[in-house]
Amino acid sequence: MSPQARQAIRKEADLTERVVDYYRRLFAGLIARMNREPGVRSDIECTRMCVEAVDMMLENQGRMTKALRELADDQDATKKSAA
């Protein structure tokens, strides 16, 4: 695996980890508030947060897929040059 491929995968893994941490904190706060105040109407806030979280997960999945594809392409190129 080339240093560039390793760096791209690390970069995407770091980004994914930050997004996960961010949304877990947001959801934890929202869940705590909903548990404290069950009568509070928060449907719109919940829907928006869910849509944003799913959008970010899809974006990160796309980036990770790109990094993995580049890794596979790099390995294919290495095999061809070794032959």
Protein backbone atom coordinates (compact mmCIF):
# COMPACT_ATOMS: atom_id res chain seq x y z
CA MET A 1 0.00 0.00 0.00
CA SER A 2 1.38 3.37 -0.96
CA PRO A 3 1.94 6.09 1.63
CA GLN A 4 -0.64 8.24 -0.18
CA ALA A 5 -3.29 5.50 0.09
CA ARG A 6 -2.58 5.01 3.80
CA GLN A 7 -2.78 8.75 4.38
CA ALA A 8 -6.09 9.01 2.48
CA ILE A 9 -7.61 6.19 4.52
CA ARG A 10 -6.38 7.70 7.80
CA LYS A 11 -7.78 11.09 6.80
CA GLU A 12 -11.20 9.62 5.99
CA ALA A 13 -11.21 7.51 9.17
CA ASP A 14 -10.39 10.61 11.24
CA LEU A 15 -13.18 12.58 9.57
CA THR A 16 -15.67 9.76 10.10
CA GLU A 17 -14.70 9.51 13.76
CA ARG A 18 -15.20 13.26 14.28
CA VAL A 19 -18.62 13.18 12.60
CA VAL A 20 -19.69 10.19 14.69
CA ASP A 21 -18.55 11.87 17.91
CA TYR A 22 -20.30 15.12 16.99
CA TYR A 23 -23.65 13.53 16.19
CA ARG A 24 -23.53 11.18 19.17
CA ARG A 25 -23.15 14.23 21.43
CA LEU A 26 -26.03 16.01 19.69
CA PHE A 27 -28.30 12.99 19.91
CA ALA A 28 -27.34 12.35 23.55
CA GLY A 29 -28.35 15.91 24.44
CA LEU A 30 -31.60 15.63 22.54
CA ILE A 31 -32.44 12.27 24.12
CA ALA A 32 -31.68 13.60 27.60
CA ARG A 33 -33.92 16.62 26.98
CA MET A 34 -36.71 14.43 25.67
CA ASN A 35 -36.41 12.20 28.74
CA ARG A 36 -36.57 15.21 31.09
CA GLU A 37 -39.35 17.00 29.23
CA PRO A 38 -41.56 14.40 27.53
CA GLY A 39 -44.18 17.01 26.62
CA VAL A 40 -41.76 19.19 24.65
CA ARG A 41 -42.51 19.19 20.95
CA SER A 42 -39.25 18.46 19.17
CA ASP A 43 -40.36 16.62 16.03
CA ILE A 44 -38.84 19.16 13.66
CA GLU A 45 -35.56 19.29 15.54
CA CYS A 46 -35.35 15.48 15.64
CA THR A 47 -36.15 15.18 11.96
CA ARG A 48 -33.60 17.80 10.98
CA MET A 49 -30.88 16.22 13.12
CA CYS A 50 -31.61 12.77 11.67
CA VAL A 51 -31.53 14.07 8.10
CA GLU A 52 -28.24 15.91 8.73
CA ALA A 53 -26.70 12.85 10.38
CA VAL A 54 -27.71 10.54 7.54
CA ASP A 55 -26.43 13.02 4.96
CA MET A 56 -23.05 13.21 6.70
CA MET A 57 -22.86 9.42 7.02
CA LEU A 58 -23.56 9.04 3.31
CA GLU A 59 -20.94 11.64 2.44
CA ASN A 60 -18.39 9.88 4.64
CA GLN A 61 -19.26 6.49 3.18
CA GLY A 62 -18.67 7.94 -0.27
CA ARG A 63 -15.29 9.33 0.75
CA MET A 64 -14.26 6.06 2.40
CA THR A 65 -15.33 4.14 -0.70
CA LYS A 66 -13.22 6.45 -2.84
CA ALA A 67 -10.19 5.92 -0.57
CA LEU A 68 -10.65 2.14 -0.66
CA ARG A 69 -11.03 2.19 -4.44
CA GLU A 70 -7.80 4.18 -4.74
CA LEU A 71 -6.12 1.63 -2.48
CA ALA A 72 -7.33 -1.22 -4.67
CA ASP A 73 -6.23 0.61 -7.82
CA ASP A 74 -2.81 1.24 -6.26
CA GLN A 75 -2.42 -2.44 -5.39
CA ASP A 76 -3.43 -3.45 -8.93
CA ALA A 77 -0.84 -1.06 -10.37
CA THR A 78 1.82 -2.45 -8.01
CA LYS A 79 1.05 -6.03 -9.10
CA LYS A 80 1.22 -5.10 -12.79
CA SER A 81 4.55 -3.32 -12.41
CA ALA A 82 5.99 -6.30 -10.48
CA ALA A 83 5.01 -8.71 -13.25
